[in-house]
Amino acid sequence: QVQLVESGGDSVQSGGSLRLSCVASRFTVEDYAVAWFRQAPGMERKIVSCISSANIIPYDFQKGRFAISRDTAKNTVYLQMNNLMPEDTGVYYCAAVFGPGSNWCPTARDGIDYWGAGTQVTVSS
């Protein structure tokens, strides 16, 4: 069964750091764009970061606070989050879109092939 399993969510204070992990099963992350989305309470799910199948990171919405990376040996994508703010609070979802050798990444939740169940991040002031 194809799966994406997130972990690493926690409750932290402003200025703290967390590293989220997304482990893929039954498919190879190198063949997919893998993205992180955040859904705050009562809000839509929005893109946070993405790494393409060609290992390109096409955008930086958090202006250097977050860094996405990939470990192909572990079939895992990470999201390192530094200098966390209360507005970063939400459920973080890992998502994958098939497309080998591509620089492309999704910017919205449409067209996603696989979703994880999410991990909760809470940042208090």
N, C-alpha and C. Protein backbone atom coordinates (compact mmCIF):
# COMPACT_ATOMS: atom_id res chain seq x y z
N GLN A 1 0.84 -1.19 0.00
CA GLN A 1 0.00 0.00 0.00
C GLN A 1 0.88 1.24 0.00
N VAL A 2 0.60 2.17 -0.93
CA VAL A 2 1.35 3.42 -0.99
C VAL A 2 1.02 4.25 0.23
N GLN A 3 2.06 4.79 0.85
CA GLN A 3 1.86 5.60 2.05
C GLN A 3 2.85 6.74 2.13
N LEU A 4 2.40 7.84 2.71
CA LEU A 4 3.27 8.91 3.17
C LEU A 4 2.98 9.07 4.66
N VAL A 5 4.02 8.99 5.47
CA VAL A 5 3.83 9.08 6.91
C VAL A 5 4.66 10.24 7.46
N GLU A 6 3.97 11.23 8.02
CA GLU A 6 4.65 12.38 8.59
C GLU A 6 4.92 12.16 10.08
N SER A 7 5.95 12.81 10.55
CA SER A 7 6.26 12.82 11.99
C SER A 7 7.06 14.07 12.31
N GLY A 8 7.22 14.32 13.61
CA GLY A 8 8.04 15.45 14.04
C GLY A 8 7.26 16.65 14.55
N GLY A 9 5.95 16.64 14.40
CA GLY A 9 5.16 17.76 14.91
C GLY A 9 5.18 17.80 16.43
N ASP A 10 5.05 19.02 16.96
CA ASP A 10 5.12 19.19 18.42
C ASP A 10 4.60 20.59 18.77
N SER A 11 4.57 20.87 20.06
CA SER A 11 4.24 22.21 20.56
C SER A 11 5.52 22.88 20.99
N VAL A 12 5.77 24.08 20.44
CA VAL A 12 6.99 24.82 20.76
C VAL A 12 6.64 26.29 20.99
N GLN A 13 7.58 27.02 21.54
CA GLN A 13 7.41 28.46 21.71
C GLN A 13 7.95 29.20 20.50
N SER A 14 7.52 30.43 20.35
CA SER A 14 8.03 31.28 19.26
C SER A 14 9.55 31.31 19.29
N GLY A 15 10.12 31.23 18.09
CA GLY A 15 11.58 31.21 17.97
C GLY A 15 12.18 29.83 17.98
N GLY A 16 11.38 28.83 18.31
CA GLY A 16 11.87 27.46 18.35
C GLY A 16 12.00 26.83 16.98
N SER A 17 12.47 25.59 16.97
CA SER A 17 12.70 24.86 15.72
C SER A 17 12.09 23.47 15.79
N LEU A 18 11.70 22.97 14.65
CA LEU A 18 11.24 21.59 14.51
C LEU A 18 11.72 21.06 13.18
N ARG A 19 11.89 19.74 13.11
CA ARG A 19 12.15 19.08 11.84
C ARG A 19 11.08 18.04 11.60
N LEU A 20 10.33 18.24 10.53
CA LEU A 20 9.31 17.29 10.14
C LEU A 20 9.90 16.28 9.15
N SER A 21 9.42 15.05 9.24
CA SER A 21 9.85 13.99 8.33
C SER A 21 8.65 13.43 7.59
N CYS A 22 8.87 13.05 6.35
CA CYS A 22 7.84 12.42 5.53
C CYS A 22 8.47 11.18 4.89
N VAL A 23 8.06 10.01 5.36
CA VAL A 23 8.62 8.76 4.85
C VAL A 23 7.65 8.17 3.83
N ALA A 24 8.17 7.85 2.65
CA ALA A 24 7.36 7.27 1.59
C ALA A 24 7.52 5.75 1.55
N SER A 25 6.40 5.07 1.34
CA SER A 25 6.40 3.61 1.21
C SER A 25 5.77 3.23 -0.12
N ARG A 26 6.34 2.25 -0.78
CA ARG A 26 5.82 1.66 -2.01
C ARG A 26 5.98 2.57 -3.22
N PHE A 27 6.73 3.67 -3.09
CA PHE A 27 7.13 4.43 -4.26
C PHE A 27 8.41 5.17 -3.91
N THR A 28 9.09 5.65 -4.96
CA THR A 28 10.40 6.28 -4.79
C THR A 28 10.25 7.79 -4.88
N VAL A 29 10.73 8.49 -3.86
CA VAL A 29 10.55 9.95 -3.83
C VAL A 29 11.28 10.62 -4.99
N GLU A 30 12.30 9.97 -5.54
CA GLU A 30 13.03 10.56 -6.66
C GLU A 30 12.15 10.72 -7.91
N ASP A 31 11.06 9.99 -7.99
CA ASP A 31 10.17 10.06 -9.15
C ASP A 31 9.01 11.04 -8.95
N TYR A 32 9.00 11.71 -7.79
CA TYR A 32 7.87 12.56 -7.44
C TYR A 32 8.34 13.93 -6.98
N ALA A 33 7.52 14.94 -7.23
CA ALA A 33 7.63 16.19 -6.50
C ALA A 33 6.97 15.95 -5.15
N VAL A 34 7.66 16.30 -4.07
CA VAL A 34 7.11 16.11 -2.73
C VAL A 34 6.99 17.48 -2.06
N ALA A 35 5.81 17.76 -1.59
CA ALA A 35 5.51 19.08 -1.03
C ALA A 35 5.01 18.97 0.40
N TRP A 36 5.17 20.06 1.13
CA TRP A 36 4.56 20.21 2.45
C TRP A 36 3.48 21.29 2.35
N PHE A 37 2.31 20.96 2.91
CA PHE A 37 1.20 21.90 3.01
C PHE A 37 0.89 22.11 4.49
N ARG A 38 0.31 23.26 4.79
CA ARG A 38 -0.15 23.56 6.15
C ARG A 38 -1.63 23.92 6.11
N GLN A 39 -2.36 23.38 7.08
CA GLN A 39 -3.77 23.75 7.22
C GLN A 39 -4.00 24.25 8.64
N ALA A 40 -4.27 25.55 8.75
CA ALA A 40 -4.58 26.14 10.05
C ALA A 40 -6.07 25.94 10.33
N PRO A 41 -6.48 26.00 11.59
CA PRO A 41 -7.88 25.79 11.93
C PRO A 41 -8.80 26.74 11.16
N GLY A 42 -9.80 26.17 10.50
CA GLY A 42 -10.77 26.96 9.75
C GLY A 42 -10.27 27.54 8.45
N MET A 43 -9.06 27.16 8.04
CA MET A 43 -8.46 27.73 6.83
C MET A 43 -8.25 26.64 5.79
N GLU A 44 -7.97 27.07 4.55
CA GLU A 44 -7.66 26.12 3.49
C GLU A 44 -6.23 25.59 3.65
N ARG A 45 -6.01 24.44 3.05
CA ARG A 45 -4.68 23.85 3.04
C ARG A 45 -3.82 24.61 2.03
N LYS A 46 -2.65 25.09 2.48
CA LYS A 46 -1.81 25.91 1.61
C LYS A 46 -0.40 25.37 1.53
N ILE A 47 0.24 25.60 0.40
CA ILE A 47 1.59 25.12 0.15
C ILE A 47 2.57 25.83 1.08
N VAL A 48 3.53 25.06 1.59
CA VAL A 48 4.59 25.60 2.43
C VAL A 48 5.93 25.52 1.71
N SER A 49 6.22 24.35 1.15
CA SER A 49 7.49 24.15 0.47
C SER A 49 7.39 22.92 -0.40
N CYS A 50 8.35 22.78 -1.32
CA CYS A 50 8.33 21.63 -2.23
C CYS A 50 9.73 21.37 -2.77
N ILE A 51 10.00 20.10 -3.03
CA ILE A 51 11.23 19.72 -3.71
C ILE A 51 10.82 18.87 -4.91
N SER A 52 11.31 19.22 -6.08
CA SER A 52 10.90 18.51 -7.29
C SER A 52 11.62 17.18 -7.40
N SER A 53 11.18 16.36 -8.36
CA SER A 53 11.83 15.07 -8.57
C SER A 53 13.28 15.26 -9.01
N ALA A 54 13.57 16.39 -9.68
CA ALA A 54 14.94 16.70 -10.11
C ALA A 54 15.73 17.40 -9.02
N ASN A 55 15.20 17.38 -7.81
CA ASN A 55 15.88 17.94 -6.64
C ASN A 55 16.00 19.46 -6.69
N ILE A 56 15.04 20.11 -7.34
CA ILE A 56 14.99 21.56 -7.43
C ILE A 56 13.99 22.07 -6.39
N ILE A 57 14.34 23.18 -5.73
CA ILE A 57 13.43 23.81 -4.78
C ILE A 57 13.03 25.14 -5.39
N PRO A 58 11.84 25.21 -6.01
CA PRO A 58 11.53 26.37 -6.85
C PRO A 58 11.03 27.62 -6.12
N TYR A 59 10.67 27.50 -4.82
CA TYR A 59 10.19 28.69 -4.13
C TYR A 59 10.51 28.64 -2.65
N ASP A 60 10.54 29.83 -2.04
CA ASP A 60 10.87 29.98 -0.62
C ASP A 60 9.88 30.98 -0.03
N PHE A 61 8.70 30.49 0.38
CA PHE A 61 7.66 31.38 0.88
C PHE A 61 7.97 31.88 2.29
N GLN A 62 8.83 31.17 3.01
CA GLN A 62 9.11 31.55 4.40
C GLN A 62 10.38 32.39 4.53
N LYS A 63 10.94 32.83 3.42
CA LYS A 63 12.09 33.74 3.40
C LYS A 63 13.24 33.22 4.26
N GLY A 64 13.60 31.97 4.01
CA GLY A 64 14.78 31.40 4.64
C GLY A 64 14.56 30.73 5.98
N ARG A 65 13.37 30.84 6.55
CA ARG A 65 13.14 30.21 7.86
C ARG A 65 12.99 28.70 7.75
N PHE A 66 12.44 28.22 6.62
CA PHE A 66 12.21 26.79 6.44
C PHE A 66 13.14 26.27 5.34
N ALA A 67 13.55 25.01 5.47
CA ALA A 67 14.38 24.38 4.46
C ALA A 67 13.90 22.96 4.21
N ILE A 68 13.64 22.65 2.95
CA ILE A 68 13.21 21.31 2.57
C ILE A 68 14.41 20.55 2.01
N SER A 69 14.46 19.25 2.31
CA SER A 69 15.55 18.43 1.80
C SER A 69 15.07 17.00 1.60
N ARG A 70 15.88 16.23 0.91
CA ARG A 70 15.48 14.87 0.56
C ARG A 70 16.64 13.91 0.82
N ASP A 71 16.34 12.77 1.41
CA ASP A 71 17.33 11.70 1.60
C ASP A 71 16.81 10.50 0.80
N THR A 72 17.39 10.27 -0.36
CA THR A 72 16.89 9.20 -1.22
C THR A 72 17.16 7.82 -0.64
N ALA A 73 18.25 7.68 0.12
CA ALA A 73 18.55 6.38 0.72
C ALA A 73 17.48 5.99 1.74
N LYS A 74 16.89 6.97 2.41
CA LYS A 74 15.85 6.70 3.39
C LYS A 74 14.45 6.92 2.81
N ASN A 75 14.39 7.32 1.53
CA ASN A 75 13.10 7.59 0.88
C ASN A 75 12.26 8.57 1.70
N THR A 76 12.92 9.62 2.17
CA THR A 76 12.32 10.54 3.13
C THR A 76 12.58 11.99 2.69
N VAL A 77 11.57 12.83 2.91
CA VAL A 77 11.70 14.27 2.69
C VAL A 77 11.53 14.96 4.04
N TYR A 78 12.38 15.94 4.29
CA TYR A 78 12.36 16.66 5.57
C TYR A 78 11.95 18.11 5.37
N LEU A 79 11.41 18.69 6.43
CA LEU A 79 11.16 20.13 6.46
C LEU A 79 11.74 20.66 7.77
N GLN A 80 12.85 21.35 7.66
CA GLN A 80 13.47 21.98 8.82
C GLN A 80 12.84 23.37 8.99
N MET A 81 12.26 23.60 10.16
CA MET A 81 11.57 24.86 10.42
C MET A 81 12.25 25.57 11.57
N ASN A 82 12.76 26.76 11.29
CA ASN A 82 13.47 27.55 12.30
C ASN A 82 12.73 28.85 12.56
N ASN A 83 13.03 29.46 13.70
CA ASN A 83 12.42 30.74 14.07
C ASN A 83 10.90 30.68 13.90
N LEU A 84 10.30 29.67 14.47
CA LEU A 84 8.86 29.45 14.31
C LEU A 84 8.06 30.58 14.93
N MET A 85 6.93 30.88 14.29
CA MET A 85 6.02 31.94 14.73
C MET A 85 4.63 31.36 14.96
N PRO A 86 3.80 32.00 15.76
CA PRO A 86 2.44 31.47 15.99
C PRO A 86 1.66 31.25 14.70
N GLU A 87 1.89 32.04 13.68
CA GLU A 87 1.17 31.86 12.41
C GLU A 87 1.62 30.62 11.65
N ASP A 88 2.66 29.95 12.12
CA ASP A 88 3.06 28.68 11.52
C ASP A 88 2.25 27.50 12.07
N THR A 89 1.40 27.76 13.04
CA THR A 89 0.59 26.72 13.65
C THR A 89 -0.36 26.09 12.64
N GLY A 90 -0.49 24.76 12.71
CA GLY A 90 -1.42 24.06 11.85
C GLY A 90 -1.05 22.59 11.73
N VAL A 91 -1.83 21.89 10.95
CA VAL A 91 -1.50 20.51 10.62
C VAL A 91 -0.68 20.54 9.33
N TYR A 92 0.46 19.89 9.37
CA TYR A 92 1.36 19.86 8.21
C TYR A 92 1.20 18.52 7.50
N TYR A 93 0.92 18.62 6.21
CA TYR A 93 0.69 17.43 5.38
C TYR A 93 1.79 17.30 4.34
N CYS A 94 2.21 16.07 4.14
CA CYS A 94 3.13 15.74 3.06
C CYS A 94 2.30 15.28 1.86
N ALA A 95 2.74 15.66 0.65
CA ALA A 95 1.99 15.32 -0.55
C ALA A 95 2.96 15.01 -1.68
N ALA A 96 2.57 14.13 -2.58
CA ALA A 96 3.45 13.72 -3.67
C ALA A 96 2.72 13.74 -5.00
N VAL A 97 3.43 14.19 -6.04
CA VAL A 97 2.90 14.23 -7.41
C VAL A 97 3.91 13.56 -8.33
N PHE A 98 3.44 12.59 -9.10
CA PHE A 98 4.35 11.82 -9.98
C PHE A 98 4.86 12.69 -11.12
N GLY A 99 6.20 12.53 -11.40
CA GLY A 99 6.78 13.27 -12.52
C GLY A 99 8.29 13.17 -12.52
N PRO A 100 8.87 12.05 -12.98
CA PRO A 100 10.33 11.86 -12.93
C PRO A 100 11.09 12.89 -13.73
N GLY A 101 12.24 13.31 -13.22
CA GLY A 101 13.13 14.20 -13.95
C GLY A 101 12.60 15.59 -14.21
N SER A 102 11.72 16.06 -13.37
CA SER A 102 11.06 17.35 -13.60
C SER A 102 11.48 18.38 -12.56
N ASN A 103 11.50 19.64 -12.98
CA ASN A 103 11.75 20.76 -12.06
C ASN A 103 10.45 21.28 -11.44
N TRP A 104 9.34 20.75 -11.87
CA TRP A 104 8.02 21.26 -11.49
C TRP A 104 7.63 20.87 -10.08
N CYS A 105 6.93 21.79 -9.41
CA CYS A 105 6.35 21.55 -8.10
C CYS A 105 4.93 22.11 -8.06
N PRO A 106 4.03 21.49 -7.31
CA PRO A 106 2.68 22.06 -7.18
C PRO A 106 2.71 23.33 -6.34
N THR A 107 1.73 24.19 -6.58
CA THR A 107 1.55 25.37 -5.74
C THR A 107 0.18 25.38 -5.08
N ALA A 108 -0.62 24.37 -5.37
CA ALA A 108 -1.95 24.26 -4.78
C ALA A 108 -2.24 22.77 -4.55
N ARG A 109 -3.35 22.50 -3.88
CA ARG A 109 -3.62 21.12 -3.50
C ARG A 109 -4.23 20.30 -4.62
N ASP A 110 -4.54 20.91 -5.77
CA ASP A 110 -5.12 20.17 -6.89
C ASP A 110 -4.10 19.24 -7.53
N GLY A 111 -4.55 18.07 -7.96
CA GLY A 111 -3.69 17.18 -8.73
C GLY A 111 -2.70 16.37 -7.93
N ILE A 112 -2.81 16.35 -6.62
CA ILE A 112 -1.90 15.59 -5.78
C ILE A 112 -2.23 14.10 -5.90
N ASP A 113 -1.20 13.28 -6.06
CA ASP A 113 -1.42 11.84 -6.17
C ASP A 113 -1.59 11.18 -4.80
N TYR A 114 -0.75 11.56 -3.84
CA TYR A 114 -0.79 10.93 -2.52
C TYR A 114 -0.68 11.99 -1.42
N TRP A 115 -1.42 11.77 -0.35
CA TRP A 115 -1.37 12.62 0.84
C TRP A 115 -1.02 11.78 2.06
N GLY A 116 -0.30 12.40 3.00
CA GLY A 116 -0.14 11.79 4.31
C GLY A 116 -1.29 12.21 5.21
N ALA A 117 -1.29 11.69 6.43
CA ALA A 117 -2.36 11.96 7.38
C ALA A 117 -2.14 13.24 8.17
N GLY A 118 -0.92 13.78 8.13
CA GLY A 118 -0.64 15.06 8.78
C GLY A 118 0.00 14.90 10.15
N THR A 119 0.70 15.99 10.54
CA THR A 119 1.30 16.06 11.87
C THR A 119 1.08 17.47 12.40
N GLN A 120 0.70 17.58 13.68
CA GLN A 120 0.31 18.86 14.25
C GLN A 120 1.52 19.65 14.74
N VAL A 121 1.57 20.92 14.34
CA VAL A 121 2.58 21.86 14.83
C VAL A 121 1.85 23.00 15.52
N THR A 122 2.20 23.24 16.77
CA THR A 122 1.60 24.35 17.52
C THR A 122 2.72 25.25 18.05
N VAL A 123 2.63 26.54 17.70
CA VAL A 123 3.63 27.51 18.12
C VAL A 123 2.94 28.53 19.01
N SER A 124 3.41 28.66 20.24
CA SER A 124 2.83 29.60 21.19
C SER A 124 3.73 30.82 21.34
N SER A 125 3.08 31.94 21.62
CA SER A 125 3.85 33.20 21.74
C SER A 125 4.36 33.39 23.15
